Amino acid sequence: MMSLQNRFNKTLCLSITVAMLAIAPGCSSPQTDPSKTTIPTDSDQWQKKLGQTFEQLPAADQQVLSRYMLRMKLSEAYESGAMPRTTIEQALIQQREYERLHPNNPTGKKSPIVTGQAANATAQKYPIALLPIKTSDSDSLNQVKMQFMLSNHGDVAIQSFKGVLSMKDANLTQGKSFNVPLIQFDPAIEPEQSGKIIIESSIEDINVMRAIKNPNGMTIEIEEGKLILADDQTIEFGSSLAK
C-alpha cells in the first residue's frame, strides 16, 4: 500500500502541474497593443482586417479613428498600394492634430459641386455685382480695372475665391467672361458682409465697355469657381478647377 507521505507528494505534484498549465497560456501569449496594428493600404480591407482590433481600443480612440478613416476615404487617400502603411497610433496622432487645426471640419468633408437649380440657390447665397467704373473712350483697348462686389448671405465667412465670372447684359449679343486668380480675403467676408474682387481685363469690344460704364440691368454669375469657407468647406461651381 502507498504510504501517506507518497500520496501527499503525488497530490502536491499534480496540483503544481495543473497550476502551471493554467498559467502557461498567459505567459506564452501576451496581449498585443492594438494601437501598434498597421492600417491596410487597401481601404476595402479595413473592416475585415481591423474589426477585432477596433473593438479593443478605448471608446474615445474608436471615435477618433472612425473620423480619421472617414477623412481618408473622402480624400481617396487610402487606395490599394496608394500610400505607406500607418499604425493606428500614428493615425490617432495625425487625426487629433488635424482636428486641432480644423475644429469645425474634422473629416475634411467638402461641399459638392453645385450645378443646375442647386447652383442658382447657391448663387443667391453668394451674389456678385459689378461696381461702376469711370473710363474714357481711349480706354477701350487698354487694361481696365474691374471691381466686383461679392456678398455673403451664408452662415460661414468666406476666405478665398478663384474662378471665372460671366457678364450678361441685354445690350450684349454675347456675354463676357473674366478670369479671377486666387484671391484671399483679409479679413474674411463675414456673413451678411461684402468684399471686393479686383482684377484687370482688356476690353476691346466697345459694347462691352458701354455696358461696364452703365451696369444697370447687368448680371454677373460665377461660371466656374471655387469658394473656400472659414470652416475649410469648399463650394465649387461648374467644372472643377485645376489645383
C-alpha atoms as a PDB file:
ATOM      1  CA  MET A   1       0.000   0.000   0.000  1.00  0.00           C
ATOM      2  CA  MET A   2       1.092   3.547  -0.805  1.00  0.00           C
ATOM      3  CA  SER A   3       2.235   5.407   2.245  1.00  0.00           C
ATOM      4  CA  LEU A   4       0.558   8.612   3.366  1.00  0.00           C
ATOM      5  CA  GLN A   5       3.726  10.564   2.503  1.00  0.00           C
ATOM      6  CA  ASN A   6       3.787   9.220  -1.059  1.00  0.00           C
ATOM      7  CA  ARG A   7       0.122  10.080  -1.540  1.00  0.00           C
ATOM      8  CA  PHE A   8       0.792  13.627  -0.326  1.00  0.00           C
ATOM      9  CA  ASN A   9       3.752  14.029  -2.670  1.00  0.00           C
ATOM     10  CA  LYS A  10       1.730  12.769  -5.651  1.00  0.00           C
ATOM     11  CA  THR A  11      -1.178  15.104  -4.892  1.00  0.00           C
ATOM     12  CA  LEU A  12       1.215  18.056  -4.490  1.00  0.00           C
ATOM     13  CA  CYS A  13       2.899  17.364  -7.864  1.00  0.00           C
ATOM     14  CA  LEU A  14      -0.470  17.067  -9.586  1.00  0.00           C
ATOM     15  CA  SER A  15      -1.625  20.386  -8.112  1.00  0.00           C
ATOM     16  CA  ILE A  16       1.566  22.135  -9.213  1.00  0.00           C
ATOM     17  CA  THR A  17       1.236  20.671 -12.721  1.00  0.00           C
ATOM     18  CA  VAL A  18      -2.395  21.860 -13.057  1.00  0.00           C
ATOM     19  CA  ALA A  19      -1.417  25.335 -11.825  1.00  0.00           C
ATOM     20  CA  MET A  20       1.433  25.557 -14.321  1.00  0.00           C
ATOM     21  CA  LEU A  21      -0.863  24.523 -17.167  1.00  0.00           C
ATOM     22  CA  ALA A  22      -3.336  27.222 -16.142  1.00  0.00           C
ATOM     23  CA  ILE A  23      -0.624  29.894 -16.060  1.00  0.00           C
ATOM     24  CA  ALA A  24       1.283  28.803 -19.169  1.00  0.00           C
ATOM     25  CA  PRO A  25      -1.115  30.165 -21.841  1.00  0.00           C
ATOM     26  CA  GLY A  26      -0.972  33.625 -20.284  1.00  0.00           C
ATOM     27  CA  CYS A  27       2.803  33.580 -20.301  1.00  0.00           C
ATOM     28  CA  SER A  28       3.222  32.257 -23.848  1.00  0.00           C
ATOM     29  CA  SER A  29       0.588  34.549 -25.478  1.00  0.00           C
ATOM     30  CA  PRO A  30       0.969  38.095 -24.139  1.00  0.00           C
ATOM     31  CA  GLN A  31      -1.667  40.682 -25.102  1.00  0.00           C
ATOM     32  CA  THR A  32      -0.543  42.849 -28.062  1.00  0.00           C
ATOM     33  CA  ASP A  33      -1.065  46.601 -28.129  1.00  0.00           C
ATOM     34  CA  PRO A  34      -3.894  47.271 -30.662  1.00  0.00           C
ATOM     35  CA  SER A  35      -2.524  50.747 -31.371  1.00  0.00           C
ATOM     36  CA  LYS A  36       0.573  49.170 -32.956  1.00  0.00           C
ATOM     37  CA  THR A  37      -1.547  47.470 -35.637  1.00  0.00           C
ATOM     38  CA  THR A  38      -0.977  48.814 -39.128  1.00  0.00           C
ATOM     39  CA  ILE A  39      -3.867  50.036 -41.270  1.00  0.00           C
ATOM     40  CA  PRO A  40      -4.063  48.203 -44.629  1.00  0.00           C
ATOM     41  CA  THR A  41      -3.371  50.371 -47.674  1.00  0.00           C
ATOM     42  CA  ASP A  42      -6.498  48.923 -49.287  1.00  0.00           C
ATOM     43  CA  SER A  43      -9.416  50.674 -47.605  1.00  0.00           C
ATOM     44  CA  ASP A  44     -11.777  47.877 -48.680  1.00  0.00           C
ATOM     45  CA  GLN A  45      -9.944  45.600 -46.229  1.00  0.00           C
ATOM     46  CA  TRP A  46     -10.356  47.851 -43.193  1.00  0.00           C
ATOM     47  CA  GLN A  47     -13.481  46.276 -41.765  1.00  0.00           C
ATOM     48  CA  LYS A  48     -12.233  42.728 -42.330  1.00  0.00           C
ATOM     49  CA  LYS A  49      -8.694  43.248 -41.025  1.00  0.00           C
ATOM     50  CA  LEU A  50      -9.328  45.783 -38.231  1.00  0.00           C
ATOM     51  CA  GLY A  51     -12.719  44.755 -36.850  1.00  0.00           C
ATOM     52  CA  GLN A  52     -11.477  42.930 -33.731  1.00  0.00           C
ATOM     53  CA  THR A  53      -8.614  45.371 -33.160  1.00  0.00           C
ATOM     54  CA  PHE A  54     -11.025  48.314 -33.307  1.00  0.00           C
ATOM     55  CA  GLU A  55     -13.123  46.798 -30.501  1.00  0.00           C
ATOM     56  CA  GLN A  56     -10.033  46.629 -28.245  1.00  0.00           C
ATOM     57  CA  LEU A  57      -9.473  50.389 -28.408  1.00  0.00           C
ATOM     58  CA  PRO A  58     -10.876  52.789 -25.800  1.00  0.00           C
ATOM     59  CA  ALA A  59     -14.167  54.389 -26.817  1.00  0.00           C
ATOM     60  CA  ALA A  60     -12.553  57.801 -27.322  1.00  0.00           C
ATOM     61  CA  ASP A  61      -9.904  56.341 -29.634  1.00  0.00           C
ATOM     62  CA  GLN A  62     -12.569  54.461 -31.585  1.00  0.00           C
ATOM     63  CA  GLN A  63     -14.322  57.751 -32.351  1.00  0.00           C
ATOM     64  CA  VAL A  64     -11.097  59.490 -33.398  1.00  0.00           C
ATOM     65  CA  LEU A  65     -10.060  56.540 -35.593  1.00  0.00           C
ATOM     66  CA  SER A  66     -13.505  56.483 -37.214  1.00  0.00           C
ATOM     67  CA  ARG A  67     -13.161  60.152 -38.166  1.00  0.00           C
ATOM     68  CA  TYR A  68      -9.640  59.500 -39.485  1.00  0.00           C
ATOM     69  CA  MET A  69     -10.873  56.660 -41.693  1.00  0.00           C
ATOM     70  CA  LEU A  70     -13.777  58.738 -42.979  1.00  0.00           C
ATOM     71  CA  ARG A  71     -11.408  61.606 -43.782  1.00  0.00           C
ATOM     72  CA  MET A  72      -9.084  59.267 -45.671  1.00  0.00           C
ATOM     73  CA  LYS A  73     -11.995  57.752 -47.600  1.00  0.00           C
ATOM     74  CA  LEU A  74     -13.360  61.173 -48.554  1.00  0.00           C
ATOM     75  CA  SER A  75      -9.953  62.295 -49.760  1.00  0.00           C
ATOM     76  CA  GLU A  76      -9.401  58.946 -51.527  1.00  0.00           C
ATOM     77  CA  ALA A  77      -6.007  58.849 -49.824  1.00  0.00           C
ATOM     78  CA  TYR A  78      -6.176  55.145 -48.981  1.00  0.00           C
ATOM     79  CA  GLU A  79      -6.440  53.012 -52.082  1.00  0.00           C
ATOM     80  CA  SER A  80      -4.656  49.761 -52.826  1.00  0.00           C
ATOM     81  CA  GLY A  81      -0.946  50.462 -52.639  1.00  0.00           C
ATOM     82  CA  ALA A  82      -1.508  54.216 -52.713  1.00  0.00           C
ATOM     83  CA  MET A  83       0.371  55.135 -49.556  1.00  0.00           C
ATOM     84  CA  PRO A  84       2.620  53.535 -46.920  1.00  0.00           C
ATOM     85  CA  ARG A  85       1.089  51.631 -44.051  1.00  0.00           C
ATOM     86  CA  THR A  86       0.262  53.674 -40.991  1.00  0.00           C
ATOM     87  CA  THR A  87      -0.227  52.320 -37.485  1.00  0.00           C
ATOM     88  CA  ILE A  88      -3.390  53.052 -35.555  1.00  0.00           C
ATOM     89  CA  GLU A  89      -1.284  55.016 -33.067  1.00  0.00           C
ATOM     90  CA  GLN A  90       0.097  57.213 -35.859  1.00  0.00           C
ATOM     91  CA  ALA A  91      -3.388  57.652 -37.329  1.00  0.00           C
ATOM     92  CA  LEU A  92      -4.752  58.823 -33.963  1.00  0.00           C
ATOM     93  CA  ILE A  93      -1.912  61.343 -33.609  1.00  0.00           C
ATOM     94  CA  GLN A  94      -2.464  62.651 -37.135  1.00  0.00           C
ATOM     95  CA  GLN A  95      -6.232  62.917 -36.708  1.00  0.00           C
ATOM     96  CA  ARG A  96      -6.033  64.735 -33.375  1.00  0.00           C
ATOM     97  CA  GLU A  97      -3.600  67.245 -34.890  1.00  0.00           C
ATOM     98  CA  TYR A  98      -5.888  67.694 -37.911  1.00  0.00           C
ATOM     99  CA  GLU A  99      -8.880  68.315 -35.645  1.00  0.00           C
ATOM    100  CA  ARG A 100      -6.871  70.835 -33.644  1.00  0.00           C
ATOM    101  CA  LEU A 101      -6.242  72.789 -36.852  1.00  0.00           C
ATOM    102  CA  HIS A 102      -9.718  72.201 -38.309  1.00  0.00           C
ATOM    103  CA  PRO A 103     -12.112  72.011 -35.338  1.00  0.00           C
ATOM    104  CA  ASN A 104     -15.207  72.704 -37.455  1.00  0.00           C
ATOM    105  CA  ASN A 105     -14.483  70.106 -40.109  1.00  0.00           C
ATOM    106  CA  PRO A 106     -12.875  67.013 -38.506  1.00  0.00           C
ATOM    107  CA  THR A 107     -13.427  64.729 -41.510  1.00  0.00           C
ATOM    108  CA  GLY A 108     -12.356  67.196 -44.212  1.00  0.00           C
ATOM    109  CA  LYS A 109     -15.731  66.884 -45.891  1.00  0.00           C
ATOM    110  CA  LYS A 110     -16.195  69.137 -48.912  1.00  0.00           C
ATOM    111  CA  SER A 111     -19.403  70.504 -50.320  1.00  0.00           C
ATOM    112  CA  PRO A 112     -20.382  69.000 -53.653  1.00  0.00           C
ATOM    113  CA  ILE A 113     -20.027  70.834 -56.951  1.00  0.00           C
ATOM    114  CA  VAL A 114     -23.207  72.825 -57.447  1.00  0.00           C
ATOM    115  CA  THR A 115     -24.919  72.934 -60.820  1.00  0.00           C
ATOM    116  CA  GLY A 116     -28.439  73.481 -62.122  1.00  0.00           C
ATOM    117  CA  GLN A 117     -31.056  74.506 -59.562  1.00  0.00           C
ATOM    118  CA  ALA A 118     -28.608  73.978 -56.707  1.00  0.00           C
ATOM    119  CA  ALA A 119     -26.219  76.395 -58.408  1.00  0.00           C
ATOM    120  CA  ASN A 120     -28.962  79.008 -58.688  1.00  0.00           C
ATOM    121  CA  ALA A 121     -29.748  78.712 -54.989  1.00  0.00           C
ATOM    122  CA  THR A 122     -26.066  78.941 -54.101  1.00  0.00           C
ATOM    123  CA  ALA A 123     -25.595  81.921 -56.431  1.00  0.00           C
ATOM    124  CA  GLN A 124     -28.307  83.738 -54.500  1.00  0.00           C
ATOM    125  CA  LYS A 125     -26.404  82.994 -51.312  1.00  0.00           C
ATOM    126  CA  TYR A 126     -23.163  84.402 -52.782  1.00  0.00           C
ATOM    127  CA  PRO A 127     -24.222  87.067 -55.312  1.00  0.00           C
ATOM    128  CA  ILE A 128     -21.673  89.116 -57.259  1.00  0.00           C
ATOM    129  CA  ALA A 129     -22.210  92.606 -58.682  1.00  0.00           C
ATOM    130  CA  LEU A 130     -20.039  94.855 -60.839  1.00  0.00           C
ATOM    131  CA  LEU A 131     -19.178  98.252 -59.425  1.00  0.00           C
ATOM    132  CA  PRO A 132     -19.384 101.117 -61.950  1.00  0.00           C
ATOM    133  CA  ILE A 133     -16.050 102.326 -63.285  1.00  0.00           C
ATOM    134  CA  LYS A 134     -15.058 105.651 -64.791  1.00  0.00           C
ATOM    135  CA  THR A 135     -13.352 105.364 -68.150  1.00  0.00           C
ATOM    136  CA  SER A 136     -12.812 107.377 -71.280  1.00  0.00           C
ATOM    137  CA  ASP A 137     -13.220 106.193 -74.857  1.00  0.00           C
ATOM    138  CA  SER A 138      -9.460 105.868 -75.117  1.00  0.00           C
ATOM    139  CA  ASP A 139      -9.581 103.089 -72.530  1.00  0.00           C
ATOM    140  CA  SER A 140     -11.337 100.668 -74.893  1.00  0.00           C
ATOM    141  CA  LEU A 141      -8.132  98.852 -75.861  1.00  0.00           C
ATOM    142  CA  ASN A 142      -6.364  99.237 -72.541  1.00  0.00           C
ATOM    143  CA  GLN A 143      -6.316  97.246 -69.354  1.00  0.00           C
ATOM    144  CA  VAL A 144      -9.353  98.241 -67.330  1.00  0.00           C
ATOM    145  CA  LYS A 145      -9.533  97.785 -63.582  1.00  0.00           C
ATOM    146  CA  MET A 146     -12.696  95.832 -62.797  1.00  0.00           C
ATOM    147  CA  GLN A 147     -14.174  95.823 -59.306  1.00  0.00           C
ATOM    148  CA  PHE A 148     -16.743  93.229 -58.324  1.00  0.00           C
ATOM    149  CA  MET A 149     -18.580  93.032 -55.022  1.00  0.00           C
ATOM    150  CA  LEU A 150     -19.043  89.552 -53.558  1.00  0.00           C
ATOM    151  CA  SER A 151     -21.746  89.353 -50.877  1.00  0.00           C
ATOM    152  CA  ASN A 152     -22.014  86.618 -48.290  1.00  0.00           C
ATOM    153  CA  HIS A 153     -25.544  85.577 -47.320  1.00  0.00           C
ATOM    154  CA  GLY A 154     -24.345  82.267 -45.928  1.00  0.00           C
ATOM    155  CA  ASP A 155     -23.630  81.270 -42.338  1.00  0.00           C
ATOM    156  CA  VAL A 156     -19.828  80.980 -42.589  1.00  0.00           C
ATOM    157  CA  ALA A 157     -17.187  83.548 -43.528  1.00  0.00           C
ATOM    158  CA  ILE A 158     -15.584  83.352 -46.995  1.00  0.00           C
ATOM    159  CA  GLN A 159     -11.793  83.009 -47.012  1.00  0.00           C
ATOM    160  CA  SER A 160     -10.953  82.906 -50.714  1.00  0.00           C
ATOM    161  CA  PHE A 161     -12.280  82.727 -54.261  1.00  0.00           C
ATOM    162  CA  LYS A 162     -10.911  81.612 -57.615  1.00  0.00           C
ATOM    163  CA  GLY A 163     -12.813  81.203 -60.840  1.00  0.00           C
ATOM    164  CA  VAL A 164     -14.413  82.649 -63.962  1.00  0.00           C
ATOM    165  CA  LEU A 165     -17.106  85.320 -63.842  1.00  0.00           C
ATOM    166  CA  SER A 166     -19.604  85.705 -66.658  1.00  0.00           C
ATOM    167  CA  MET A 167     -21.118  89.118 -67.501  1.00  0.00           C
ATOM    168  CA  LYS A 168     -24.511  89.212 -69.189  1.00  0.00           C
ATOM    169  CA  ASP A 169     -26.381  92.271 -70.375  1.00  0.00           C
ATOM    170  CA  ALA A 170     -29.463  92.838 -72.510  1.00  0.00           C
ATOM    171  CA  ASN A 171     -27.429  95.073 -74.854  1.00  0.00           C
ATOM    172  CA  LEU A 172     -24.833  92.375 -75.484  1.00  0.00           C
ATOM    173  CA  THR A 173     -25.355  89.630 -78.032  1.00  0.00           C
ATOM    174  CA  GLN A 174     -22.656  87.581 -76.325  1.00  0.00           C
ATOM    175  CA  GLY A 175     -21.572  87.529 -72.704  1.00  0.00           C
ATOM    176  CA  LYS A 176     -18.111  88.432 -71.482  1.00  0.00           C
ATOM    177  CA  SER A 177     -16.015  86.206 -69.219  1.00  0.00           C
ATOM    178  CA  PHE A 178     -13.422  87.365 -66.699  1.00  0.00           C
ATOM    179  CA  ASN A 179     -10.778  85.115 -65.160  1.00  0.00           C
ATOM    180  CA  VAL A 180     -10.261  85.697 -61.451  1.00  0.00           C
ATOM    181  CA  PRO A 181      -6.993  84.410 -59.935  1.00  0.00           C
ATOM    182  CA  LEU A 182      -6.955  83.100 -56.381  1.00  0.00           C
ATOM    183  CA  ILE A 183      -7.967  85.942 -54.075  1.00  0.00           C
ATOM    184  CA  GLN A 184      -7.534  85.665 -50.296  1.00  0.00           C
ATOM    185  CA  PHE A 185      -9.924  87.937 -48.409  1.00  0.00           C
ATOM    186  CA  ASP A 186      -8.252  89.672 -45.493  1.00  0.00           C
ATOM    187  CA  PRO A 187     -10.264  89.977 -43.398  1.00  0.00           C
ATOM    188  CA  ALA A 188     -12.583  87.155 -44.404  1.00  0.00           C
ATOM    189  CA  ILE A 189     -16.038  88.135 -45.668  1.00  0.00           C
ATOM    190  CA  GLU A 190     -18.283  87.575 -42.675  1.00  0.00           C
ATOM    191  CA  PRO A 191     -21.967  86.592 -43.060  1.00  0.00           C
ATOM    192  CA  GLU A 192     -24.087  89.482 -44.367  1.00  0.00           C
ATOM    193  CA  GLN A 193     -20.952  91.389 -45.348  1.00  0.00           C
ATOM    194  CA  SER A 194     -19.339  92.053 -48.740  1.00  0.00           C
ATOM    195  CA  GLY A 195     -15.825  92.023 -50.120  1.00  0.00           C
ATOM    196  CA  LYS A 196     -14.176  93.308 -53.290  1.00  0.00           C
ATOM    197  CA  ILE A 197     -12.752  91.276 -56.143  1.00  0.00           C
ATOM    198  CA  ILE A 198     -10.404  93.493 -58.158  1.00  0.00           C
ATOM    199  CA  ILE A 199      -8.902  92.384 -61.465  1.00  0.00           C
ATOM    200  CA  GLU A 200      -7.575  93.971 -64.647  1.00  0.00           C
ATOM    201  CA  SER A 201      -9.012  92.957 -68.009  1.00  0.00           C
ATOM    202  CA  SER A 202      -8.536  94.016 -71.618  1.00  0.00           C
ATOM    203  CA  ILE A 203     -11.829  95.286 -73.054  1.00  0.00           C
ATOM    204  CA  GLU A 204     -11.743  95.529 -76.840  1.00  0.00           C
ATOM    205  CA  ASP A 205     -15.468  95.452 -77.550  1.00  0.00           C
ATOM    206  CA  ILE A 206     -16.960  98.946 -77.364  1.00  0.00           C
ATOM    207  CA  ASN A 207     -20.375  97.488 -76.495  1.00  0.00           C
ATOM    208  CA  VAL A 208     -18.872  95.690 -73.509  1.00  0.00           C
ATOM    209  CA  MET A 209     -17.209  98.922 -72.453  1.00  0.00           C
ATOM    210  CA  ARG A 210     -20.515 100.776 -72.647  1.00  0.00           C
ATOM    211  CA  ALA A 211     -22.212  98.104 -70.569  1.00  0.00           C
ATOM    212  CA  ILE A 212     -19.471  98.310 -67.958  1.00  0.00           C
ATOM    213  CA  LYS A 213     -19.864 102.078 -67.688  1.00  0.00           C
ATOM    214  CA  ASN A 214     -23.578 101.659 -67.001  1.00  0.00           C
ATOM    215  CA  PRO A 215     -24.083  98.283 -65.301  1.00  0.00           C
ATOM    216  CA  ASN A 216     -27.795  98.794 -64.565  1.00  0.00           C
ATOM    217  CA  GLY A 217     -29.559  95.607 -65.633  1.00  0.00           C
ATOM    218  CA  MET A 218     -26.301  93.696 -65.894  1.00  0.00           C
ATOM    219  CA  THR A 219     -25.915  90.320 -64.200  1.00  0.00           C
ATOM    220  CA  ILE A 220     -22.662  88.743 -63.038  1.00  0.00           C
ATOM    221  CA  GLU A 221     -22.604  84.992 -62.487  1.00  0.00           C
ATOM    222  CA  ILE A 222     -19.971  82.537 -61.314  1.00  0.00           C
ATOM    223  CA  GLU A 223     -19.472  80.483 -64.458  1.00  0.00           C
ATOM    224  CA  GLU A 224     -16.846  78.307 -62.845  1.00  0.00           C
ATOM    225  CA  GLY A 225     -15.187  78.730 -59.500  1.00  0.00           C
ATOM    226  CA  LYS A 226     -14.297  77.686 -56.015  1.00  0.00           C
ATOM    227  CA  LEU A 227     -15.197  79.338 -52.722  1.00  0.00           C
ATOM    228  CA  ILE A 228     -13.256  78.343 -49.603  1.00  0.00           C
ATOM    229  CA  LEU A 229     -15.118  78.977 -46.365  1.00  0.00           C
ATOM    230  CA  ALA A 230     -13.642  79.641 -42.931  1.00  0.00           C
ATOM    231  CA  ASP A 231     -14.551  76.120 -41.738  1.00  0.00           C
ATOM    232  CA  ASP A 232     -12.485  74.646 -44.614  1.00  0.00           C
ATOM    233  CA  GLN A 233     -15.530  73.649 -46.624  1.00  0.00           C
ATOM    234  CA  THR A 234     -15.278  74.089 -50.383  1.00  0.00           C
ATOM    235  CA  ILE A 235     -18.111  75.201 -52.649  1.00  0.00           C
ATOM    236  CA  GLU A 236     -17.442  74.573 -56.326  1.00  0.00           C
ATOM    237  CA  PHE A 237     -19.359  75.994 -59.271  1.00  0.00           C
ATOM    238  CA  GLY A 238     -19.367  74.321 -62.667  1.00  0.00           C
ATOM    239  CA  SER A 239     -16.462  72.059 -63.574  1.00  0.00           C
ATOM    240  CA  SER A 240     -13.614  71.599 -61.118  1.00  0.00           C
ATOM    241  CA  LEU A 241     -10.684  73.958 -61.393  1.00  0.00           C
ATOM    242  CA  ALA A 242      -7.153  72.700 -61.701  1.00  0.00           C
ATOM    243  CA  LYS A 243      -5.435  72.817 -58.353  1.00  0.00           C
END
